[in-house]
Amino acid sequence: MAGPLAGSTGLSFTAFFLANFLGGLVYVPLAVGVGYIVGRHFGVVLNKIQLIEGKLEYFAVGILGIAAVAIIAWRALTSRKAARSGSAR
């Protein structure tokens, strides 16, 4: 996209080549460095996440169970109220 955009704006080949080359000199080492750092330290972070995830799994299942019981109880109570109010008329 940079090439057609540079050509449509009238940028000379020399200026485009120089800017593209300097951008590559900055961008490539930066991208490789970030990838290296993330790859080198990601295993430690992933292990910590897995330990926390194991504990949170039980908590989430408990919360979902409580929510399911609450929803079922609420629906049962509201359906009984509706049945009572319908039969009283």
PDB file of N, CA and C in Angstrom:
ATOM      1  N   MET A   1       0.821  -1.182   0.000  1.00  0.00           N
ATOM      2  CA  MET A   1       0.000   0.000   0.000  1.00  0.00           C
ATOM      3  C   MET A   1       0.871   1.254   0.000  1.00  0.00           C
ATOM      4  N   ALA A   2       2.048   1.164   0.593  1.00  0.00           N
ATOM      5  CA  ALA A   2       2.913   2.343   0.659  1.00  0.00           C
ATOM      6  C   ALA A   2       3.406   2.741  -0.728  1.00  0.00           C
ATOM      7  N   GLY A   3       3.711   1.750  -1.567  1.00  0.00           N
ATOM      8  CA  GLY A   3       4.208   2.063  -2.910  1.00  0.00           C
ATOM      9  C   GLY A   3       3.189   2.805  -3.759  1.00  0.00           C
ATOM     10  N   PRO A   4       1.961   2.290  -3.924  1.00  0.00           N
ATOM     11  CA  PRO A   4       0.975   3.021  -4.707  1.00  0.00           C
ATOM     12  C   PRO A   4       0.625   4.386  -4.112  1.00  0.00           C
ATOM     13  N   LEU A   5       0.591   4.466  -2.797  1.00  0.00           N
ATOM     14  CA  LEU A   5       0.285   5.740  -2.158  1.00  0.00           C
ATOM     15  C   LEU A   5       1.404   6.749  -2.420  1.00  0.00           C
ATOM     16  N   ALA A   6       2.646   6.285  -2.335  1.00  0.00           N
ATOM     17  CA  ALA A   6       3.777   7.178  -2.607  1.00  0.00           C
ATOM     18  C   ALA A   6       3.762   7.613  -4.064  1.00  0.00           C
ATOM     19  N   GLY A   7       3.422   6.701  -4.971  1.00  0.00           N
ATOM     20  CA  GLY A   7       3.374   7.063  -6.389  1.00  0.00           C
ATOM     21  C   GLY A   7       2.248   8.023  -6.696  1.00  0.00           C
ATOM     22  N   SER A   8       1.107   7.856  -6.052  1.00  0.00           N
ATOM     23  CA  SER A   8      -0.020   8.745  -6.331  1.00  0.00           C
ATOM     24  C   SER A   8       0.193  10.142  -5.772  1.00  0.00           C
ATOM     25  N   THR A   9       1.042  10.275  -4.751  1.00  0.00           N
ATOM     26  CA  THR A   9       1.325  11.595  -4.200  1.00  0.00           C
ATOM     27  C   THR A   9       2.506  12.270  -4.884  1.00  0.00           C
ATOM     28  N   GLY A  10       3.176  11.554  -5.780  1.00  0.00           N
ATOM     29  CA  GLY A  10       4.280  12.148  -6.520  1.00  0.00           C
ATOM     30  C   GLY A  10       5.614  12.079  -5.801  1.00  0.00           C
ATOM     31  N   LEU A  11       5.755  11.201  -4.824  1.00  0.00           N
ATOM     32  CA  LEU A  11       7.023  11.043  -4.112  1.00  0.00           C
ATOM     33  C   LEU A  11       8.038  10.393  -5.034  1.00  0.00           C
ATOM     34  N   SER A  12       9.237  10.928  -5.061  1.00  0.00           N
ATOM     35  CA  SER A  12      10.254  10.377  -5.946  1.00  0.00           C
ATOM     36  C   SER A  12      10.712   9.009  -5.445  1.00  0.00           C
ATOM     37  N   PHE A  13      11.262   8.219  -6.379  1.00  0.00           N
ATOM     38  CA  PHE A  13      11.708   6.876  -6.026  1.00  0.00           C
ATOM     39  C   PHE A  13      12.801   6.927  -4.969  1.00  0.00           C
ATOM     40  N   THR A  14      13.714   7.861  -5.079  1.00  0.00           N
ATOM     41  CA  THR A  14      14.828   7.956  -4.130  1.00  0.00           C
ATOM     42  C   THR A  14      14.325   8.268  -2.726  1.00  0.00           C
ATOM     43  N   ALA A  15      13.411   9.221  -2.628  1.00  0.00           N
ATOM     44  CA  ALA A  15      12.876   9.580  -1.308  1.00  0.00           C
ATOM     45  C   ALA A  15      12.089   8.414  -0.716  1.00  0.00           C
ATOM     46  N   PHE A  16      11.291   7.727  -1.572  1.00  0.00           N
ATOM     47  CA  PHE A  16      10.532   6.578  -1.091  1.00  0.00           C
ATOM     48  C   PHE A  16      11.464   5.458  -0.636  1.00  0.00           C
ATOM     49  N   PHE A  17      12.467   5.171  -1.424  1.00  0.00           N
ATOM     50  CA  PHE A  17      13.403   4.100  -1.085  1.00  0.00           C
ATOM     51  C   PHE A  17      14.123   4.400   0.220  1.00  0.00           C
ATOM     52  N   LEU A  18      14.567   5.640   0.389  1.00  0.00           N
ATOM     53  CA  LEU A  18      15.269   6.019   1.615  1.00  0.00           C
ATOM     54  C   LEU A  18      14.352   5.910   2.825  1.00  0.00           C
ATOM     55  N   ALA A  19      13.118   6.408   2.717  1.00  0.00           N
ATOM     56  CA  ALA A  19      12.177   6.338   3.838  1.00  0.00           C
ATOM     57  C   ALA A  19      11.810   4.883   4.145  1.00  0.00           C
ATOM     58  N   ASN A  20      11.610   4.079   3.106  1.00  0.00           N
ATOM     59  CA  ASN A  20      11.269   2.675   3.295  1.00  0.00           C
ATOM     60  C   ASN A  20      12.428   1.923   3.955  1.00  0.00           C
ATOM     61  N   PHE A  21      13.633   2.198   3.535  1.00  0.00           N
ATOM     62  CA  PHE A  21      14.810   1.549   4.099  1.00  0.00           C
ATOM     63  C   PHE A  21      15.002   1.934   5.567  1.00  0.00           C
ATOM     64  N   LEU A  22      14.889   3.223   5.882  1.00  0.00           N
ATOM     65  CA  LEU A  22      15.049   3.673   7.265  1.00  0.00           C
ATOM     66  C   LEU A  22      13.923   3.126   8.151  1.00  0.00           C
ATOM     67  N   GLY A  23      12.715   3.062   7.610  1.00  0.00           N
ATOM     68  CA  GLY A  23      11.613   2.481   8.361  1.00  0.00           C
ATOM     69  C   GLY A  23      11.850   1.013   8.662  1.00  0.00           C
ATOM     70  N   GLY A  24      12.406   0.296   7.686  1.00  0.00           N
ATOM     71  CA  GLY A  24      12.736  -1.104   7.899  1.00  0.00           C
ATOM     72  C   GLY A  24      13.826  -1.283   8.934  1.00  0.00           C
ATOM     73  N   LEU A  25      14.805  -0.390   8.946  1.00  0.00           N
ATOM     74  CA  LEU A  25      15.879  -0.456   9.939  1.00  0.00           C
ATOM     75  C   LEU A  25      15.343  -0.273  11.361  1.00  0.00           C
ATOM     76  N   VAL A  26      14.282   0.491  11.502  1.00  0.00           N
ATOM     77  CA  VAL A  26      13.700   0.717  12.822  1.00  0.00           C
ATOM     78  C   VAL A  26      12.689  -0.385  13.156  1.00  0.00           C
ATOM     79  N   TYR A  27      11.808  -0.702  12.217  1.00  0.00           N
ATOM     80  CA  TYR A  27      10.679  -1.586  12.492  1.00  0.00           C
ATOM     81  C   TYR A  27      11.098  -3.048  12.691  1.00  0.00           C
ATOM     82  N   VAL A  28      11.962  -3.558  11.858  1.00  0.00           N
ATOM     83  CA  VAL A  28      12.312  -4.983  11.922  1.00  0.00           C
ATOM     84  C   VAL A  28      12.987  -5.340  13.254  1.00  0.00           C
ATOM     85  N   PRO A  29      14.030  -4.627  13.686  1.00  0.00           N
ATOM     86  CA  PRO A  29      14.610  -4.991  14.992  1.00  0.00           C
ATOM     87  C   PRO A  29      13.620  -4.817  16.148  1.00  0.00           C
ATOM     88  N   LEU A  30      12.757  -3.824  16.054  1.00  0.00           N
ATOM     89  CA  LEU A  30      11.768  -3.621  17.098  1.00  0.00           C
ATOM     90  C   LEU A  30      10.789  -4.797  17.156  1.00  0.00           C
ATOM     91  N   ALA A  31      10.284  -5.211  16.007  1.00  0.00           N
ATOM     92  CA  ALA A  31       9.343  -6.332  15.961  1.00  0.00           C
ATOM     93  C   ALA A  31      10.010  -7.628  16.403  1.00  0.00           C
ATOM     94  N   VAL A  32      11.232  -7.857  15.978  1.00  0.00           N
ATOM     95  CA  VAL A  32      11.950  -9.071  16.377  1.00  0.00           C
ATOM     96  C   VAL A  32      12.259  -9.035  17.875  1.00  0.00           C
ATOM     97  N   GLY A  33      12.651  -7.899  18.391  1.00  0.00           N
ATOM     98  CA  GLY A  33      12.944  -7.777  19.823  1.00  0.00           C
ATOM     99  C   GLY A  33      11.719  -8.016  20.682  1.00  0.00           C
ATOM    100  N   VAL A  34      10.596  -7.439  20.304  1.00  0.00           N
ATOM    101  CA  VAL A  34       9.359  -7.660  21.059  1.00  0.00           C
ATOM    102  C   VAL A  34       8.966  -9.133  20.993  1.00  0.00           C
ATOM    103  N   GLY A  35       9.067  -9.732  19.827  1.00  0.00           N
ATOM    104  CA  GLY A  35       8.756 -11.149  19.696  1.00  0.00           C
ATOM    105  C   GLY A  35       9.661 -12.022  20.540  1.00  0.00           C
ATOM    106  N   TYR A  36      10.921 -11.691  20.589  1.00  0.00           N
ATOM    107  CA  TYR A  36      11.882 -12.457  21.396  1.00  0.00           C
ATOM    108  C   TYR A  36      11.551 -12.344  22.882  1.00  0.00           C
ATOM    109  N   ILE A  37      11.300 -11.122  23.335  1.00  0.00           N
ATOM    110  CA  ILE A  37      11.001 -10.910  24.758  1.00  0.00           C
ATOM    111  C   ILE A  37       9.708 -11.606  25.150  1.00  0.00           C
ATOM    112  N   VAL A  38       8.685 -11.464  24.336  1.00  0.00           N
ATOM    113  CA  VAL A  38       7.406 -12.115  24.631  1.00  0.00           C
ATOM    114  C   VAL A  38       7.577 -13.632  24.616  1.00  0.00           C
ATOM    115  N   GLY A  39       8.270 -14.148  23.628  1.00  0.00           N
ATOM    116  CA  GLY A  39       8.474 -15.588  23.542  1.00  0.00           C
ATOM    117  C   GLY A  39       9.308 -16.140  24.682  1.00  0.00           C
ATOM    118  N   ARG A  40      10.270 -15.381  25.131  1.00  0.00           N
ATOM    119  CA  ARG A  40      11.159 -15.858  26.197  1.00  0.00           C
ATOM    120  C   ARG A  40      10.456 -15.885  27.550  1.00  0.00           C
ATOM    121  N   HIS A  41       9.592 -14.919  27.804  1.00  0.00           N
ATOM    122  CA  HIS A  41       8.951 -14.797  29.112  1.00  0.00           C
ATOM    123  C   HIS A  41       7.511 -15.286  29.124  1.00  0.00           C
ATOM    124  N   PHE A  42       6.994 -15.703  27.999  1.00  0.00           N
ATOM    125  CA  PHE A  42       5.598 -16.101  27.932  1.00  0.00           C
ATOM    126  C   PHE A  42       5.337 -17.396  28.690  1.00  0.00           C
ATOM    127  N   GLY A  43       6.310 -18.291  28.733  1.00  0.00           N
ATOM    128  CA  GLY A  43       6.132 -19.552  29.449  1.00  0.00           C
ATOM    129  C   GLY A  43       5.901 -19.342  30.930  1.00  0.00           C
ATOM    130  N   VAL A  44       6.643 -18.433  31.541  1.00  0.00           N
ATOM    131  CA  VAL A  44       6.489 -18.146  32.966  1.00  0.00           C
ATOM    132  C   VAL A  44       5.109 -17.546  33.233  1.00  0.00           C
ATOM    133  N   VAL A  45       4.725 -16.611  32.392  1.00  0.00           N
ATOM    134  CA  VAL A  45       3.418 -15.969  32.550  1.00  0.00           C
ATOM    135  C   VAL A  45       2.304 -16.978  32.331  1.00  0.00           C
ATOM    136  N   LEU A  46       2.457 -17.841  31.353  1.00  0.00           N
ATOM    137  CA  LEU A  46       1.443 -18.848  31.066  1.00  0.00           C
ATOM    138  C   LEU A  46       1.283 -19.819  32.231  1.00  0.00           C
ATOM    139  N   ASN A  47       2.358 -20.207  32.864  1.00  0.00           N
ATOM    140  CA  ASN A  47       2.270 -21.078  34.041  1.00  0.00           C
ATOM    141  C   ASN A  47       1.512 -20.404  35.179  1.00  0.00           C
ATOM    142  N   LYS A  48       1.757 -19.122  35.400  1.00  0.00           N
ATOM    143  CA  LYS A  48       1.039 -18.390  36.448  1.00  0.00           C
ATOM    144  C   LYS A  48      -0.449 -18.301  36.111  1.00  0.00           C
ATOM    145  N   ILE A  49      -0.752 -18.059  34.846  1.00  0.00           N
ATOM    146  CA  ILE A  49      -2.152 -17.975  34.422  1.00  0.00           C
ATOM    147  C   ILE A  49      -2.847 -19.317  34.624  1.00  0.00           C
ATOM    148  N   GLN A  50      -2.167 -20.407  34.332  1.00  0.00           N
ATOM    149  CA  GLN A  50      -2.764 -21.728  34.505  1.00  0.00           C
ATOM    150  C   GLN A  50      -3.026 -22.033  35.978  1.00  0.00           C
ATOM    151  N   LEU A  51      -2.146 -21.610  36.867  1.00  0.00           N
ATOM    152  CA  LEU A  51      -2.377 -21.817  38.297  1.00  0.00           C
ATOM    153  C   LEU A  51      -3.590 -21.028  38.772  1.00  0.00           C
ATOM    154  N   ILE A  52      -3.689 -19.786  38.345  1.00  0.00           N
ATOM    155  CA  ILE A  52      -4.825 -18.949  38.730  1.00  0.00           C
ATOM    156  C   ILE A  52      -6.104 -19.490  38.104  1.00  0.00           C
ATOM    157  N   GLU A  53      -6.013 -19.941  36.869  1.00  0.00           N
ATOM    158  CA  GLU A  53      -7.186 -20.456  36.163  1.00  0.00           C
ATOM    159  C   GLU A  53      -7.767 -21.671  36.881  1.00  0.00           C
ATOM    160  N   GLY A  54      -6.932 -22.532  37.391  1.00  0.00           N
ATOM    161  CA  GLY A  54      -7.410 -23.711  38.109  1.00  0.00           C
ATOM    162  C   GLY A  54      -8.235 -23.334  39.324  1.00  0.00           C
ATOM    163  N   LYS A  55      -7.819 -22.305  40.032  1.00  0.00           N
ATOM    164  CA  LYS A  55      -8.561 -21.851  41.209  1.00  0.00           C
ATOM    165  C   LYS A  55      -9.839 -21.115  40.801  1.00  0.00           C
ATOM    166  N   LEU A  56      -9.749 -20.330  39.745  1.00  0.00           N
ATOM    167  CA  LEU A  56     -10.917 -19.578  39.307  1.00  0.00           C
ATOM    168  C   LEU A  56     -11.984 -20.474  38.692  1.00  0.00           C
ATOM    169  N   GLU A  57     -11.578 -21.619  38.186  1.00  0.00           N
ATOM    170  CA  GLU A  57     -12.538 -22.526  37.567  1.00  0.00           C
ATOM    171  C   GLU A  57     -13.578 -22.982  38.578  1.00  0.00           C
ATOM    172  N   TYR A  58     -13.145 -23.368  39.760  1.00  0.00           N
ATOM    173  CA  TYR A  58     -14.076 -23.794  40.800  1.00  0.00           C
ATOM    174  C   TYR A  58     -14.980 -22.641  41.234  1.00  0.00           C
ATOM    175  N   PHE A  59     -14.411 -21.467  41.332  1.00  0.00           N
ATOM    176  CA  PHE A  59     -15.194 -20.289  41.709  1.00  0.00           C
ATOM    177  C   PHE A  59     -16.262 -20.001  40.663  1.00  0.00           C
ATOM    178  N   ALA A  60     -15.891 -20.051  39.391  1.00  0.00           N
ATOM    179  CA  ALA A  60     -16.848 -19.771  38.314  1.00  0.00           C
ATOM    180  C   ALA A  60     -17.959 -20.812  38.280  1.00  0.00           C
ATOM    181  N   VAL A  61     -17.622 -22.087  38.469  1.00  0.00           N
ATOM    182  CA  VAL A  61     -18.638 -23.137  38.490  1.00  0.00           C
ATOM    183  C   VAL A  61     -19.590 -22.917  39.663  1.00  0.00           C
ATOM    184  N   GLY A  62     -19.068 -22.533  40.798  1.00  0.00           N
ATOM    185  CA  GLY A  62     -19.915 -22.249  41.964  1.00  0.00           C
ATOM    186  C   GLY A  62     -20.858 -21.092  41.708  1.00  0.00           C
ATOM    187  N   ILE A  63     -20.344 -20.018  41.139  1.00  0.00           N
ATOM    188  CA  ILE A  63     -21.176 -18.849  40.833  1.00  0.00           C
ATOM    189  C   ILE A  63     -22.258 -19.211  39.822  1.00  0.00           C
ATOM    190  N   LEU A  64     -21.901 -19.965  38.792  1.00  0.00           N
ATOM    191  CA  LEU A  64     -22.899 -20.384  37.803  1.00  0.00           C
ATOM    192  C   LEU A  64     -23.950 -21.284  38.428  1.00  0.00           C
ATOM    193  N   GLY A  65     -23.554 -22.162  39.328  1.00  0.00           N
ATOM    194  CA  GLY A  65     -24.516 -23.019  40.021  1.00  0.00           C
ATOM    195  C   GLY A  65     -25.482 -22.209  40.862  1.00  0.00           C
ATOM    196  N   ILE A  66     -24.966 -21.257  41.610  1.00  0.00           N
ATOM    197  CA  ILE A  66     -25.814 -20.395  42.433  1.00  0.00           C
ATOM    198  C   ILE A  66     -26.765 -19.588  41.555  1.00  0.00           C
ATOM    199  N   ALA A  67     -26.264 -19.072  40.447  1.00  0.00           N
ATOM    200  CA  ALA A  67     -27.106 -18.303  39.531  1.00  0.00           C
ATOM    201  C   ALA A  67     -28.204 -19.179  38.939  1.00  0.00           C
ATOM    202  N   ALA A  68     -27.878 -20.401  38.580  1.00  0.00           N
ATOM    203  CA  ALA A  68     -28.881 -21.307  38.013  1.00  0.00           C
ATOM    204  C   ALA A  68     -29.975 -21.610  39.035  1.00  0.00           C
ATOM    205  N   VAL A  69     -29.590 -21.887  40.270  1.00  0.00           N
ATOM    206  CA  VAL A  69     -30.575 -22.159  41.320  1.00  0.00           C
ATOM    207  C   VAL A  69     -31.442 -20.928  41.561  1.00  0.00           C
ATOM    208  N   ALA A  70     -30.838 -19.742  41.575  1.00  0.00           N
ATOM    209  CA  ALA A  70     -31.594 -18.512  41.791  1.00  0.00           C
ATOM    210  C   ALA A  70     -32.590 -18.264  40.665  1.00  0.00           C
ATOM    211  N   ILE A  71     -32.192 -18.498  39.440  1.00  0.00           N
ATOM    212  CA  ILE A  71     -33.096 -18.295  38.303  1.00  0.00           C
ATOM    213  C   ILE A  71     -34.253 -19.281  38.345  1.00  0.00           C
ATOM    214  N   ILE A  72     -33.966 -20.533  38.651  1.00  0.00           N
ATOM    215  CA  ILE A  72     -35.021 -21.545  38.724  1.00  0.00           C
ATOM    216  C   ILE A  72     -35.992 -21.205  39.857  1.00  0.00           C
ATOM    217  N   ALA A  73     -35.480 -20.808  41.012  1.00  0.00           N
ATOM    218  CA  ALA A  73     -36.344 -20.440  42.134  1.00  0.00           C
ATOM    219  C   ALA A  73     -37.191 -19.225  41.792  1.00  0.00           C
ATOM    220  N   TRP A  74     -36.610 -18.225  41.171  1.00  0.00           N
ATOM    221  CA  TRP A  74     -37.352 -17.014  40.800  1.00  0.00           C
ATOM    222  C   TRP A  74     -38.466 -17.338  39.814  1.00  0.00           C
ATOM    223  N   ARG A  75     -38.160 -18.168  38.820  1.00  0.00           N
ATOM    224  CA  ARG A  75     -39.188 -18.541  37.837  1.00  0.00           C
ATOM    225  C   ARG A  75     -40.304 -19.352  38.479  1.00  0.00           C
ATOM    226  N   ALA A  76     -39.946 -20.225  39.418  1.00  0.00           N
ATOM    227  CA  ALA A  76     -40.965 -21.017  40.101  1.00  0.00           C
ATOM    228  C   ALA A  76     -41.870 -20.118  40.935  1.00  0.00           C
ATOM    229  N   LEU A  77     -41.289 -19.171  41.642  1.00  0.00           N
ATOM    230  CA  LEU A  77     -42.088 -18.259  42.466  1.00  0.00           C
ATOM    231  C   LEU A  77     -42.981 -17.362  41.616  1.00  0.00           C
ATOM    232  N   THR A  78     -42.455 -16.829  40.529  1.00  0.00           N
ATOM    233  CA  THR A  78     -43.270 -15.947  39.684  1.00  0.00           C
ATOM    234  C   THR A  78     -44.371 -16.721  38.975  1.00  0.00           C
ATOM    235  N   SER A  79     -44.120 -17.965  38.607  1.00  0.00           N
ATOM    236  CA  SER A  79     -45.183 -18.744  37.955  1.00  0.00           C
ATOM    237  C   SER A  79     -46.272 -19.108  38.963  1.00  0.00           C
ATOM    238  N   ARG A  80     -45.912 -19.372  40.220  1.00  0.00           N
ATOM    239  CA  ARG A  80     -46.915 -19.630  41.250  1.00  0.00           C
ATOM    240  C   ARG A  80     -47.745 -18.394  41.530  1.00  0.00           C
ATOM    241  N   LYS A  81     -47.085 -17.204  41.580  1.00  0.00           N
ATOM    242  CA  LYS A  81     -47.827 -15.969  41.801  1.00  0.00           C
ATOM    243  C   LYS A  81     -48.787 -15.712  40.665  1.00  0.00           C
ATOM    244  N   ALA A  82     -48.352 -15.964  39.449  1.00  0.00           N
ATOM    245  CA  ALA A  82     -49.214 -15.754  38.296  1.00  0.00           C
ATOM    246  C   ALA A  82     -50.390 -16.730  38.313  1.00  0.00           C
ATOM    247  N   ALA A  83     -50.143 -17.965  38.724  1.00  0.00           N
ATOM    248  CA  ALA A  83     -51.221 -18.959  38.794  1.00  0.00           C
ATOM    249  C   ALA A  83     -52.221 -18.582  39.881  1.00  0.00           C
ATOM    250  N   ARG A  84     -51.763 -18.087  41.005  1.00  0.00           N
ATOM    251  CA  ARG A  84     -52.657 -17.681  42.097  1.00  0.00           C
ATOM    252  C   ARG A  84     -53.496 -16.472  41.712  1.00  0.00           C
ATOM    253  N   SER A  85     -52.840 -15.488  41.100  1.00  0.00           N
ATOM    254  CA  SER A  85     -53.580 -14.268  40.734  1.00  0.00           C
ATOM    255  C   SER A  85     -54.564 -14.569  39.589  1.00  0.00           C
ATOM    256  N   GLY A  86     -54.264 -15.519  38.745  1.00  0.00           N
ATOM    257  CA  GLY A  86     -55.165 -15.885  37.663  1.00  0.00           C
ATOM    258  C   GLY A  86     -56.372 -16.641  38.157  1.00  0.00           C
ATOM    259  N   SER A  87     -56.217 -17.463  39.197  1.00  0.00           N
ATOM    260  CA  SER A  87     -57.333 -18.252  39.717  1.00  0.00           C
ATOM    261  C   SER A  87     -58.201 -17.432  40.650  1.00  0.00           C
ATOM    262  N   ALA A  88     -57.707 -16.326  41.193  1.00  0.00           N
ATOM    263  CA  ALA A  88     -58.480 -15.498  42.114  1.00  0.00           C
ATOM    264  C   ALA A  88     -59.493 -14.653  41.364  1.00  0.00           C
ATOM    265  N   ARG A  89     -59.332 -14.441  40.106  1.00  0.00           N
ATOM    266  CA  ARG A  89     -60.243 -13.583  39.323  1.00  0.00           C
ATOM    267  C   ARG A  89     -61.450 -14.295  38.997  1.00  0.00           C
TER     268      ARG A  89
END
